[in-house]
Amino acid sequence: MAAFPRRFTVITLAGAGLAACSARVPSAPHTDDTTVLVPVTEVHLNTDAGSVRVDARPGASGVRVHRTAHNERGRGAGATTRIDATTLTLAGCEPRCAVDYTLTVPPGVVVDRSATTGSVTRTGPTA
């Protein structure tokens, strides 16, 4: 019976180990909520992946941001929101990550979606 050379065995085992390491296990989404209490007049969307839903509600005080991050590491997306004066900017996250946003805003808040590639839907009154 012919034996396999040692080199072949080691290379085969190393290749199997690399294949196992590269297998991606889907992770559970990470969600969080925040409320921006300073007056917001404009929301800028700067997202690479994910969706944004904007719900304008009369009587809403502040802007409520519900965020769901989907990434292969199973952790949050880090800081993806920024407020400058009265402008709220929502950004994406690291590579291989997508963030879905659901916003509740007072009517009249302008949504600038020129820098986003994801889907954007808006419900409720706009003025």
N, C-alpha and C. Protein backbone atom coordinates (compact mmCIF):
# COMPACT_ATOMS: atom_id res chain seq x y z
N MET A 1 0.83 -1.17 0.00
CA MET A 1 0.00 0.00 0.00
C MET A 1 0.89 1.24 0.00
N ALA A 2 0.62 2.19 -0.91
CA ALA A 2 1.45 3.38 -1.03
C ALA A 2 1.00 4.43 -0.02
N ALA A 3 1.94 5.04 0.65
CA ALA A 3 1.63 6.09 1.62
C ALA A 3 1.71 7.45 0.94
N PHE A 4 0.85 8.37 1.40
CA PHE A 4 0.92 9.73 0.88
C PHE A 4 2.16 10.41 1.45
N PRO A 5 2.82 11.20 0.66
CA PRO A 5 3.96 11.95 1.19
C PRO A 5 3.48 12.92 2.28
N ARG A 6 4.32 13.19 3.26
CA ARG A 6 3.96 14.09 4.35
C ARG A 6 3.57 15.47 3.84
N ARG A 7 4.27 15.96 2.87
CA ARG A 7 3.99 17.30 2.37
C ARG A 7 2.54 17.40 1.88
N PHE A 8 2.04 16.40 1.18
CA PHE A 8 0.67 16.39 0.68
C PHE A 8 -0.31 16.43 1.85
N THR A 9 -0.07 15.68 2.88
CA THR A 9 -0.97 15.63 4.03
C THR A 9 -1.03 16.98 4.73
N VAL A 10 0.12 17.61 4.96
CA VAL A 10 0.16 18.89 5.64
C VAL A 10 -0.55 19.97 4.82
N ILE A 11 -0.31 20.00 3.51
CA ILE A 11 -0.95 20.99 2.65
C ILE A 11 -2.46 20.78 2.63
N THR A 12 -2.90 19.53 2.58
CA THR A 12 -4.33 19.25 2.57
C THR A 12 -4.97 19.70 3.86
N LEU A 13 -4.36 19.43 5.01
CA LEU A 13 -4.92 19.84 6.29
C LEU A 13 -4.92 21.35 6.42
N ALA A 14 -3.86 22.01 5.96
CA ALA A 14 -3.81 23.47 6.03
C ALA A 14 -4.89 24.08 5.16
N GLY A 15 -5.10 23.53 3.98
CA GLY A 15 -6.14 24.03 3.08
C GLY A 15 -7.53 23.86 3.68
N ALA A 16 -7.76 22.73 4.36
CA ALA A 16 -9.06 22.51 5.00
C ALA A 16 -9.26 23.51 6.14
N GLY A 17 -8.20 23.83 6.87
CA GLY A 17 -8.30 24.81 7.96
C GLY A 17 -8.63 26.19 7.44
N LEU A 18 -8.02 26.61 6.34
CA LEU A 18 -8.32 27.91 5.75
C LEU A 18 -9.75 27.98 5.25
N ALA A 19 -10.23 26.91 4.66
CA ALA A 19 -11.61 26.88 4.18
C ALA A 19 -12.57 27.03 5.35
N ALA A 20 -12.28 26.39 6.49
CA ALA A 20 -13.14 26.49 7.65
C ALA A 20 -13.13 27.91 8.21
N CYS A 21 -11.98 28.58 8.20
CA CYS A 21 -11.88 29.94 8.72
C CYS A 21 -12.62 30.94 7.85
N SER A 22 -12.69 30.69 6.56
CA SER A 22 -13.32 31.65 5.67
C SER A 22 -14.83 31.48 5.60
N ALA A 23 -15.37 30.41 6.20
CA ALA A 23 -16.81 30.22 6.20
C ALA A 23 -17.45 31.32 7.05
N ARG A 24 -18.46 31.98 6.54
CA ARG A 24 -19.11 33.08 7.24
C ARG A 24 -20.39 32.58 7.92
N VAL A 25 -20.50 32.88 9.18
CA VAL A 25 -21.69 32.51 9.91
C VAL A 25 -22.53 33.78 10.07
N PRO A 26 -23.77 33.78 9.56
CA PRO A 26 -24.58 34.98 9.69
C PRO A 26 -24.81 35.30 11.17
N SER A 27 -24.80 36.57 11.49
CA SER A 27 -24.99 36.95 12.88
C SER A 27 -26.35 37.61 13.07
N ALA A 28 -26.78 37.65 14.31
CA ALA A 28 -28.03 38.32 14.64
C ALA A 28 -27.84 39.82 14.49
N PRO A 29 -28.86 40.51 14.02
CA PRO A 29 -28.73 41.96 13.89
C PRO A 29 -28.64 42.62 15.27
N HIS A 30 -27.96 43.75 15.31
CA HIS A 30 -27.82 44.53 16.53
C HIS A 30 -28.70 45.76 16.40
N THR A 31 -29.59 46.00 17.36
CA THR A 31 -30.48 47.16 17.28
C THR A 31 -30.27 48.10 18.46
N ASP A 32 -30.51 49.36 18.21
CA ASP A 32 -30.51 50.35 19.29
C ASP A 32 -31.40 51.51 18.91
N ASP A 33 -31.75 52.30 19.91
CA ASP A 33 -32.63 53.45 19.73
C ASP A 33 -32.02 54.67 20.40
N THR A 34 -32.26 55.82 19.82
CA THR A 34 -31.84 57.08 20.42
C THR A 34 -32.83 58.15 20.01
N THR A 35 -32.92 59.19 20.82
CA THR A 35 -33.76 60.32 20.50
C THR A 35 -32.91 61.58 20.51
N VAL A 36 -32.96 62.32 19.41
CA VAL A 36 -32.23 63.58 19.29
C VAL A 36 -33.19 64.67 19.75
N LEU A 37 -32.86 65.32 20.86
CA LEU A 37 -33.76 66.30 21.45
C LEU A 37 -33.54 67.72 20.96
N VAL A 38 -32.38 67.99 20.34
CA VAL A 38 -32.17 69.33 19.78
C VAL A 38 -33.02 69.46 18.52
N PRO A 39 -33.47 70.66 18.20
CA PRO A 39 -34.30 70.83 17.00
C PRO A 39 -33.53 70.41 15.74
N VAL A 40 -34.13 69.54 14.96
CA VAL A 40 -33.54 69.08 13.70
C VAL A 40 -34.43 69.57 12.56
N THR A 41 -33.82 70.25 11.60
CA THR A 41 -34.58 70.73 10.44
C THR A 41 -34.26 69.94 9.18
N GLU A 42 -33.12 69.22 9.21
CA GLU A 42 -32.70 68.48 8.02
C GLU A 42 -31.99 67.20 8.42
N VAL A 43 -32.23 66.14 7.64
CA VAL A 43 -31.55 64.86 7.83
C VAL A 43 -30.80 64.54 6.54
N HIS A 44 -29.49 64.34 6.65
CA HIS A 44 -28.66 63.94 5.51
C HIS A 44 -28.42 62.43 5.61
N LEU A 45 -28.66 61.72 4.52
CA LEU A 45 -28.42 60.28 4.46
C LEU A 45 -27.14 60.04 3.69
N ASN A 46 -26.21 59.34 4.30
CA ASN A 46 -24.92 59.03 3.67
C ASN A 46 -24.63 57.55 3.92
N THR A 47 -25.44 56.69 3.31
CA THR A 47 -25.36 55.26 3.58
C THR A 47 -25.00 54.49 2.32
N ASP A 48 -24.20 53.44 2.50
CA ASP A 48 -23.81 52.59 1.37
C ASP A 48 -24.77 51.42 1.17
N ALA A 49 -25.29 50.93 2.26
CA ALA A 49 -26.18 49.76 2.18
C ALA A 49 -27.20 49.87 3.30
N GLY A 50 -28.33 49.25 3.10
CA GLY A 50 -29.39 49.30 4.08
C GLY A 50 -30.54 50.15 3.58
N SER A 51 -31.54 50.27 4.41
CA SER A 51 -32.73 51.03 4.03
C SER A 51 -33.01 52.09 5.08
N VAL A 52 -33.78 53.09 4.66
CA VAL A 52 -34.17 54.17 5.57
C VAL A 52 -35.67 54.38 5.41
N ARG A 53 -36.36 54.40 6.54
CA ARG A 53 -37.79 54.71 6.55
C ARG A 53 -37.96 55.95 7.41
N VAL A 54 -38.61 56.96 6.87
CA VAL A 54 -38.85 58.20 7.58
C VAL A 54 -40.35 58.34 7.79
N ASP A 55 -40.76 58.43 9.04
CA ASP A 55 -42.17 58.57 9.38
C ASP A 55 -42.37 59.94 10.02
N ALA A 56 -43.01 60.86 9.29
CA ALA A 56 -43.30 62.19 9.82
C ALA A 56 -44.59 62.11 10.64
N ARG A 57 -44.48 62.50 11.92
CA ARG A 57 -45.64 62.43 12.81
C ARG A 57 -45.90 63.78 13.45
N PRO A 58 -47.10 64.29 13.27
CA PRO A 58 -47.45 65.54 13.96
C PRO A 58 -47.31 65.34 15.47
N GLY A 59 -46.76 66.33 16.13
CA GLY A 59 -46.61 66.25 17.58
C GLY A 59 -45.35 65.55 18.04
N ALA A 60 -44.56 65.02 17.12
CA ALA A 60 -43.31 64.34 17.51
C ALA A 60 -42.37 65.37 18.12
N SER A 61 -41.79 65.03 19.26
CA SER A 61 -40.81 65.94 19.87
C SER A 61 -39.43 65.35 19.66
N GLY A 62 -38.63 66.02 18.90
CA GLY A 62 -37.31 65.49 18.57
C GLY A 62 -37.39 64.46 17.46
N VAL A 63 -36.25 63.87 17.16
CA VAL A 63 -36.15 62.84 16.12
C VAL A 63 -35.78 61.54 16.81
N ARG A 64 -36.60 60.53 16.60
CA ARG A 64 -36.31 59.21 17.16
C ARG A 64 -35.62 58.39 16.08
N VAL A 65 -34.49 57.77 16.42
CA VAL A 65 -33.71 56.97 15.48
C VAL A 65 -33.67 55.54 15.98
N HIS A 66 -34.26 54.62 15.22
CA HIS A 66 -34.14 53.18 15.48
C HIS A 66 -33.16 52.64 14.45
N ARG A 67 -32.11 51.98 14.92
CA ARG A 67 -31.04 51.54 14.02
C ARG A 67 -30.85 50.03 14.17
N THR A 68 -30.76 49.34 13.03
CA THR A 68 -30.47 47.92 13.01
C THR A 68 -29.23 47.70 12.15
N ALA A 69 -28.17 47.19 12.77
CA ALA A 69 -26.92 46.93 12.05
C ALA A 69 -26.82 45.44 11.75
N HIS A 70 -26.48 45.15 10.51
CA HIS A 70 -26.28 43.77 10.07
C HIS A 70 -24.81 43.65 9.66
N ASN A 71 -24.05 42.86 10.39
CA ASN A 71 -22.67 42.62 9.96
C ASN A 71 -22.24 41.23 10.38
N GLU A 72 -21.17 40.77 9.80
CA GLU A 72 -20.76 39.40 10.03
C GLU A 72 -20.04 39.20 11.36
N ARG A 73 -19.78 40.29 12.08
CA ARG A 73 -19.10 40.15 13.36
C ARG A 73 -20.07 40.12 14.53
N GLY A 74 -21.36 40.34 14.26
CA GLY A 74 -22.36 40.25 15.30
C GLY A 74 -22.26 41.33 16.36
N ARG A 75 -21.84 42.50 15.96
CA ARG A 75 -21.73 43.59 16.93
C ARG A 75 -22.37 44.84 16.35
N GLY A 76 -22.43 45.88 17.16
CA GLY A 76 -23.00 47.14 16.72
C GLY A 76 -22.18 47.77 15.62
N ALA A 77 -22.72 48.81 15.06
CA ALA A 77 -22.07 49.46 13.92
C ALA A 77 -21.15 50.60 14.33
N GLY A 78 -21.04 50.88 15.61
CA GLY A 78 -20.25 52.03 16.03
C GLY A 78 -21.05 53.31 15.79
N ALA A 79 -20.37 54.42 15.85
CA ALA A 79 -21.04 55.72 15.67
C ALA A 79 -21.41 55.93 14.20
N THR A 80 -22.68 56.06 13.93
CA THR A 80 -23.13 56.30 12.55
C THR A 80 -24.05 57.51 12.46
N THR A 81 -24.26 58.20 13.56
CA THR A 81 -25.07 59.41 13.55
C THR A 81 -24.25 60.59 14.05
N ARG A 82 -24.53 61.75 13.48
CA ARG A 82 -23.81 62.96 13.87
C ARG A 82 -24.79 64.13 13.78
N ILE A 83 -24.70 65.04 14.75
CA ILE A 83 -25.55 66.23 14.72
C ILE A 83 -24.66 67.47 14.63
N ASP A 84 -24.93 68.31 13.65
CA ASP A 84 -24.24 69.59 13.47
C ASP A 84 -25.32 70.66 13.41
N ALA A 85 -25.36 71.49 14.45
CA ALA A 85 -26.38 72.55 14.55
C ALA A 85 -27.77 71.91 14.47
N THR A 86 -28.47 72.09 13.35
CA THR A 86 -29.81 71.51 13.22
C THR A 86 -29.88 70.42 12.15
N THR A 87 -28.71 69.90 11.75
CA THR A 87 -28.65 68.85 10.72
C THR A 87 -28.20 67.54 11.34
N LEU A 88 -29.00 66.51 11.15
CA LEU A 88 -28.66 65.16 11.59
C LEU A 88 -28.14 64.39 10.39
N THR A 89 -26.95 63.82 10.50
CA THR A 89 -26.37 63.02 9.42
C THR A 89 -26.35 61.56 9.86
N LEU A 90 -26.88 60.69 8.99
CA LEU A 90 -26.88 59.25 9.22
C LEU A 90 -25.94 58.62 8.22
N ALA A 91 -24.99 57.84 8.71
CA ALA A 91 -23.99 57.23 7.85
C ALA A 91 -24.10 55.71 7.91
N GLY A 92 -23.37 55.07 7.00
CA GLY A 92 -23.28 53.62 7.00
C GLY A 92 -22.23 53.18 8.01
N CYS A 93 -21.79 51.95 7.90
CA CYS A 93 -20.80 51.43 8.84
C CYS A 93 -19.68 50.75 8.06
N GLU A 94 -18.83 50.06 8.79
CA GLU A 94 -17.63 49.44 8.21
C GLU A 94 -17.97 48.52 7.04
N PRO A 95 -16.96 48.11 6.30
CA PRO A 95 -17.22 47.18 5.19
C PRO A 95 -17.93 45.91 5.67
N ARG A 96 -18.68 45.34 4.78
CA ARG A 96 -19.46 44.13 5.06
C ARG A 96 -20.46 44.36 6.18
N CYS A 97 -21.07 45.53 6.14
CA CYS A 97 -22.04 45.91 7.17
C CYS A 97 -23.11 46.76 6.50
N ALA A 98 -24.32 46.62 6.95
CA ALA A 98 -25.43 47.44 6.46
C ALA A 98 -26.21 47.95 7.67
N VAL A 99 -26.72 49.15 7.56
CA VAL A 99 -27.52 49.73 8.64
C VAL A 99 -28.89 50.10 8.07
N ASP A 100 -29.94 49.61 8.74
CA ASP A 100 -31.30 50.02 8.42
C ASP A 100 -31.73 51.03 9.48
N TYR A 101 -32.31 52.14 9.03
CA TYR A 101 -32.79 53.18 9.94
C TYR A 101 -34.29 53.32 9.82
N THR A 102 -34.94 53.53 10.96
CA THR A 102 -36.33 53.96 10.99
C THR A 102 -36.36 55.24 11.81
N LEU A 103 -36.79 56.33 11.19
CA LEU A 103 -36.80 57.63 11.84
C LEU A 103 -38.23 58.09 12.06
N THR A 104 -38.48 58.66 13.22
CA THR A 104 -39.73 59.36 13.47
C THR A 104 -39.36 60.82 13.63
N VAL A 105 -39.92 61.67 12.76
CA VAL A 105 -39.55 63.09 12.73
C VAL A 105 -40.81 63.94 12.77
N PRO A 106 -40.67 65.18 13.24
CA PRO A 106 -41.80 66.12 13.11
C PRO A 106 -42.02 66.45 11.62
N PRO A 107 -43.23 66.77 11.23
CA PRO A 107 -43.46 67.18 9.84
C PRO A 107 -42.59 68.39 9.50
N GLY A 108 -42.17 68.48 8.25
CA GLY A 108 -41.38 69.62 7.80
C GLY A 108 -39.89 69.37 7.81
N VAL A 109 -39.42 68.29 8.42
CA VAL A 109 -37.99 67.98 8.40
C VAL A 109 -37.62 67.55 6.98
N VAL A 110 -36.62 68.21 6.41
CA VAL A 110 -36.16 67.92 5.05
C VAL A 110 -35.23 66.71 5.11
N VAL A 111 -35.43 65.78 4.17
CA VAL A 111 -34.57 64.59 4.09
C VAL A 111 -33.78 64.66 2.79
N ASP A 112 -32.45 64.78 2.91
CA ASP A 112 -31.55 64.82 1.75
C ASP A 112 -31.01 63.42 1.54
N ARG A 113 -31.45 62.78 0.49
CA ARG A 113 -31.02 61.40 0.22
C ARG A 113 -30.08 61.30 -0.97
N SER A 114 -29.43 62.40 -1.33
CA SER A 114 -28.57 62.41 -2.51
C SER A 114 -27.31 61.57 -2.34
N ALA A 115 -26.90 61.27 -1.11
CA ALA A 115 -25.66 60.52 -0.90
C ALA A 115 -25.92 59.10 -0.43
N THR A 116 -27.07 58.56 -0.72
CA THR A 116 -27.37 57.20 -0.29
C THR A 116 -27.65 56.30 -1.48
N THR A 117 -27.34 55.02 -1.33
CA THR A 117 -27.61 54.06 -2.39
C THR A 117 -28.69 53.07 -1.96
N GLY A 118 -29.12 53.14 -0.71
CA GLY A 118 -30.16 52.23 -0.22
C GLY A 118 -31.55 52.77 -0.54
N SER A 119 -32.56 52.01 -0.14
CA SER A 119 -33.94 52.45 -0.39
C SER A 119 -34.37 53.41 0.70
N VAL A 120 -35.18 54.38 0.32
CA VAL A 120 -35.70 55.38 1.24
C VAL A 120 -37.20 55.48 1.03
N THR A 121 -37.97 55.36 2.12
CA THR A 121 -39.41 55.55 2.05
C THR A 121 -39.79 56.60 3.08
N ARG A 122 -40.81 57.36 2.76
CA ARG A 122 -41.28 58.40 3.67
C ARG A 122 -42.78 58.29 3.80
N THR A 123 -43.27 58.36 5.04
CA THR A 123 -44.70 58.31 5.30
C THR A 123 -45.07 59.51 6.15
N GLY A 124 -46.34 59.86 6.13
CA GLY A 124 -46.81 60.97 6.94
C GLY A 124 -46.73 62.27 6.20
N PRO A 125 -47.20 63.35 6.85
CA PRO A 125 -47.18 64.68 6.21
C PRO A 125 -45.76 65.19 6.05
N THR A 126 -45.52 65.92 4.99
CA THR A 126 -44.19 66.47 4.74
C THR A 126 -44.08 67.94 5.11
N ALA A 127 -45.16 68.57 5.44
CA ALA A 127 -45.11 69.99 5.82
C ALA A 127 -45.94 70.24 7.04
